[in-house]
Amino acid sequence: MYWQYGTCHALPAQHLACMLSDGVSGTAVGNGFDTVGTFNVSGEFKMARLCLTKQYVLGTGDPRENSGHAVELRLIASELHAALPERSAELLRWGAPLGVVGFYGTWHIRTRKYSGDAEMCLWLPPVPVVIGYTITQTVTNVQTVQSVAIDTDGDGKADTMMQQVVNQQVVTQKQDAVVGIQMQNVMGALPQSRMDAV
């Protein structure tokens, strides 16, 4: 989300991939769209710092706002509610839970028609994770009665009938995953192959 003209603007889930080049730094590329238009993102990260250029594609989105311009983003990983205590209620309204670690910083635009700077923040959306399993066992009792004819005197005719009772238990088991929602930590996610918020 970013602030401009005194209003908060959402940047819903977008795509940003980070490729680690050494143990602490690398490059980032991505794309997305917002109310201004479609954009491509490129930049670098080192430790907790993330520097991106957000380049709008001319002819997309709002023709009054989109001049094909670039927006420079200068961000650092932090606990967002601690970095922006005066905006905590707003962060909660936009879906950033307490304790979420994301990127906080500023955006900068310099064009012939407009110059501006303001705050912004990014965070990864919560993801579904398996937190356990529900196991259901069903026990079915099956009773089979078999009648057997017995020829005791050898004349080929049944002299008596004997019943044989067979009890059997059949156990079936079903396992269902129990899913919860987990916050993602950008510091843990940066060296991975992708982040889903720009």
Protein backbone atom coordinates (compact mmCIF):
# COMPACT_ATOMS: atom_id res chain seq x y z
CA MET A 1 0.00 0.00 0.00
CA TYR A 2 1.12 3.57 -0.58
CA TRP A 3 -0.01 7.03 0.37
CA GLN A 4 -0.62 9.77 -2.19
CA TYR A 5 -2.88 12.84 -2.27
CA GLY A 6 -3.63 12.25 1.42
CA THR A 7 -5.18 8.84 0.74
CA CYS A 8 -4.04 5.26 1.15
CA HIS A 9 -3.95 3.18 -2.04
CA ALA A 10 -3.84 -0.60 -2.18
CA LEU A 11 -1.38 -2.65 -4.18
CA PRO A 12 -3.09 -6.05 -4.18
CA ALA A 13 -1.08 -9.26 -4.58
CA GLN A 14 1.41 -8.89 -7.38
CA HIS A 15 4.50 -10.83 -8.45
CA LEU A 16 8.06 -10.13 -7.35
CA ALA A 17 10.84 -12.69 -7.76
CA CYS A 18 14.13 -12.32 -5.89
CA MET A 19 17.27 -14.11 -7.05
CA LEU A 20 20.12 -14.43 -4.57
CA SER A 21 23.55 -13.68 -6.10
CA ASP A 22 25.59 -14.23 -2.92
CA GLY A 23 24.77 -14.86 0.71
CA VAL A 24 23.20 -11.44 1.39
CA SER A 25 22.23 -9.71 -1.85
CA GLY A 26 20.67 -10.21 -5.24
CA THR A 27 18.31 -8.89 -7.88
CA ALA A 28 14.55 -8.56 -8.04
CA VAL A 29 12.17 -8.53 -11.00
CA GLY A 30 8.40 -8.52 -11.19
CA ASN A 31 5.25 -7.01 -12.58
CA GLY A 32 1.73 -6.05 -11.62
CA PHE A 33 -0.95 -3.41 -12.00
CA ASP A 34 -2.67 -0.79 -9.88
CA THR A 35 -5.05 2.12 -10.44
CA VAL A 36 -2.38 3.96 -12.45
CA GLY A 37 -1.67 1.10 -14.87
CA THR A 38 0.37 -1.99 -15.60
CA PHE A 39 4.00 -1.90 -14.44
CA ASN A 40 7.25 -3.83 -14.47
CA VAL A 41 9.58 -3.92 -11.47
CA SER A 42 13.33 -4.38 -11.28
CA GLY A 43 15.88 -3.72 -8.61
CA GLU A 44 18.29 -5.03 -6.02
CA PHE A 45 18.27 -6.12 -2.41
CA LYS A 46 21.05 -6.34 0.14
CA MET A 47 20.41 -7.64 3.64
CA ALA A 48 17.21 -5.89 4.80
CA ARG A 49 17.25 -3.15 2.13
CA LEU A 50 15.23 -3.35 -1.08
CA CYS A 51 15.56 -0.78 -3.90
CA LEU A 52 13.13 -1.10 -6.80
CA THR A 53 12.20 0.80 -9.94
CA LYS A 54 8.53 0.49 -10.83
CA GLN A 55 8.18 1.33 -14.55
CA TYR A 56 4.65 1.95 -15.83
CA VAL A 57 3.61 0.70 -19.27
CA LEU A 58 2.30 3.65 -21.28
CA GLY A 59 -1.25 3.22 -22.59
CA THR A 60 -2.49 1.08 -19.69
CA GLY A 61 -4.71 2.07 -16.78
CA ASP A 62 -5.57 5.72 -16.10
CA PRO A 63 -4.38 7.93 -19.00
CA ARG A 64 -4.31 11.02 -16.73
CA GLU A 65 -2.00 9.34 -14.20
CA ASN A 66 0.08 7.00 -16.36
CA SER A 67 2.70 8.81 -18.41
CA GLY A 68 4.92 5.74 -18.74
CA HIS A 69 6.91 7.10 -15.81
CA ALA A 70 9.13 5.39 -13.26
CA VAL A 71 8.64 5.29 -9.49
CA GLU A 72 11.69 4.70 -7.29
CA LEU A 73 11.01 2.62 -4.16
CA ARG A 74 13.45 2.66 -1.23
CA LEU A 75 12.46 0.12 1.43
CA ILE A 76 13.79 -1.67 4.49
CA ALA A 77 12.46 -4.80 6.19
CA SER A 78 10.72 -4.03 9.48
CA GLU A 79 7.76 -4.88 11.66
CA LEU A 80 5.20 -2.64 9.95
CA HIS A 81 3.06 -1.69 12.95
CA ALA A 82 6.21 -0.68 14.86
CA ALA A 83 7.50 1.33 11.88
CA LEU A 84 4.12 3.03 11.35
CA PRO A 85 2.39 3.20 14.76
CA GLU A 86 0.21 6.14 13.66
CA ARG A 87 -1.05 4.04 10.72
CA SER A 88 -1.58 0.79 12.65
CA ALA A 89 -5.38 0.90 12.40
CA GLU A 90 -5.13 1.55 8.66
CA LEU A 91 -2.68 -1.36 8.24
CA LEU A 92 -5.10 -3.66 10.03
CA ARG A 93 -7.97 -2.49 7.79
CA TRP A 94 -5.91 -3.34 4.70
CA GLY A 95 -5.07 -6.83 6.01
CA ALA A 96 -1.62 -6.41 7.62
CA PRO A 97 -1.89 -8.35 10.90
CA LEU A 98 -0.08 -7.23 14.05
CA GLY A 99 3.49 -8.49 14.08
CA VAL A 100 3.76 -8.79 10.29
CA VAL A 101 7.27 -8.18 8.98
CA GLY A 102 7.29 -6.45 5.61
CA PHE A 103 9.03 -3.59 3.85
CA TYR A 104 8.55 0.04 4.84
CA GLY A 105 9.97 3.06 3.09
CA THR A 106 9.27 5.73 0.51
CA TRP A 107 8.35 6.12 -3.13
CA HIS A 108 9.70 8.94 -5.33
CA ILE A 109 8.44 10.30 -8.66
CA ARG A 110 10.09 12.98 -10.81
CA THR A 111 8.40 13.83 -14.12
CA ARG A 112 7.71 17.03 -16.05
CA LYS A 113 4.11 17.08 -14.78
CA TYR A 114 4.53 15.75 -11.26
CA SER A 115 7.06 15.40 -8.46
CA GLY A 116 6.19 13.56 -5.29
CA ASP A 117 7.46 11.55 -2.36
CA ALA A 118 5.52 9.64 0.30
CA GLU A 119 5.46 6.57 2.48
CA MET A 120 4.65 3.04 1.43
CA CYS A 121 4.85 -0.50 2.68
CA LEU A 122 4.73 -4.00 1.27
CA TRP A 123 4.03 -7.28 2.98
CA LEU A 124 3.50 -10.85 1.95
CA PRO A 125 -0.05 -12.13 2.22
CA PRO A 126 -0.80 -14.87 4.75
CA VAL A 127 -0.57 -18.36 3.29
CA PRO A 128 -2.51 -21.52 4.09
CA VAL A 129 -0.43 -24.11 5.95
CA VAL A 130 -1.24 -27.58 7.23
CA ILE A 131 -1.31 -27.41 11.02
CA GLY A 132 -2.44 -30.97 11.67
CA TYR A 133 -4.65 -33.81 10.58
CA THR A 134 -8.05 -35.12 11.57
CA ILE A 135 -8.01 -38.90 11.52
CA THR A 136 -11.33 -40.73 11.44
CA GLN A 137 -11.46 -44.48 12.04
CA THR A 138 -14.53 -46.51 11.23
CA VAL A 139 -14.85 -50.01 12.69
CA THR A 140 -17.40 -52.30 11.05
CA ASN A 141 -18.29 -55.67 12.60
CA VAL A 142 -19.16 -58.33 10.02
CA GLN A 143 -20.70 -61.60 11.23
CA THR A 144 -20.96 -64.51 8.78
CA VAL A 145 -22.96 -67.64 9.57
CA GLN A 146 -22.14 -70.71 7.52
CA SER A 147 -24.16 -73.94 7.63
CA VAL A 148 -22.23 -77.14 7.01
CA ALA A 149 -23.93 -80.50 6.35
CA ILE A 150 -22.21 -83.44 8.08
CA ASP A 151 -22.57 -87.10 7.02
CA THR A 152 -21.68 -89.04 10.19
CA ASP A 153 -22.56 -92.59 9.04
CA GLY A 154 -21.11 -92.47 5.53
CA ASP A 155 -24.35 -93.10 3.63
CA GLY A 156 -23.99 -89.90 1.61
CA LYS A 157 -26.85 -88.16 3.37
CA ALA A 158 -26.50 -85.33 5.83
CA ASP A 159 -27.19 -86.56 9.33
CA THR A 160 -26.67 -83.24 11.07
CA MET A 161 -26.16 -79.59 10.32
CA MET A 162 -23.49 -77.55 11.98
CA GLN A 163 -23.39 -73.78 11.98
CA GLN A 164 -20.14 -71.95 12.00
CA VAL A 165 -20.13 -68.28 13.06
CA VAL A 166 -17.27 -66.07 11.84
CA ASN A 167 -16.83 -62.60 13.38
CA GLN A 168 -14.62 -60.14 11.53
CA GLN A 169 -13.77 -56.49 12.16
CA VAL A 170 -13.05 -54.16 9.24
CA VAL A 171 -11.23 -50.94 10.15
CA THR A 172 -11.10 -48.05 7.66
CA GLN A 173 -9.15 -44.87 8.27
CA LYS A 174 -9.55 -41.43 6.67
CA GLN A 175 -7.09 -38.56 7.09
CA ASP A 176 -8.05 -34.91 6.39
CA ALA A 177 -5.63 -31.99 6.61
CA VAL A 178 -6.47 -29.15 9.01
CA VAL A 179 -5.40 -25.86 7.41
CA GLY A 180 -4.55 -22.61 9.18
CA ILE A 181 -3.26 -19.23 8.01
CA GLN A 182 0.36 -18.26 8.63
CA MET A 183 2.04 -14.88 8.20
CA GLN A 184 5.12 -14.80 5.99
CA ASN A 185 8.31 -13.08 7.04
CA VAL A 186 9.97 -11.17 4.21
CA MET A 187 13.39 -11.74 5.72
CA GLY A 188 12.84 -15.47 5.46
CA ALA A 189 11.30 -15.13 2.00
CA LEU A 190 13.85 -12.86 0.29
CA PRO A 191 16.38 -15.54 -0.66
CA GLN A 192 13.59 -17.77 -1.96
CA SER A 193 12.35 -17.72 -5.51
CA ARG A 194 9.28 -15.50 -5.11
CA MET A 195 7.32 -12.99 -3.07
CA ASP A 196 3.68 -12.16 -3.78
CA ALA A 197 3.26 -8.50 -2.95
CA VAL A 198 4.59 -5.38 -4.58
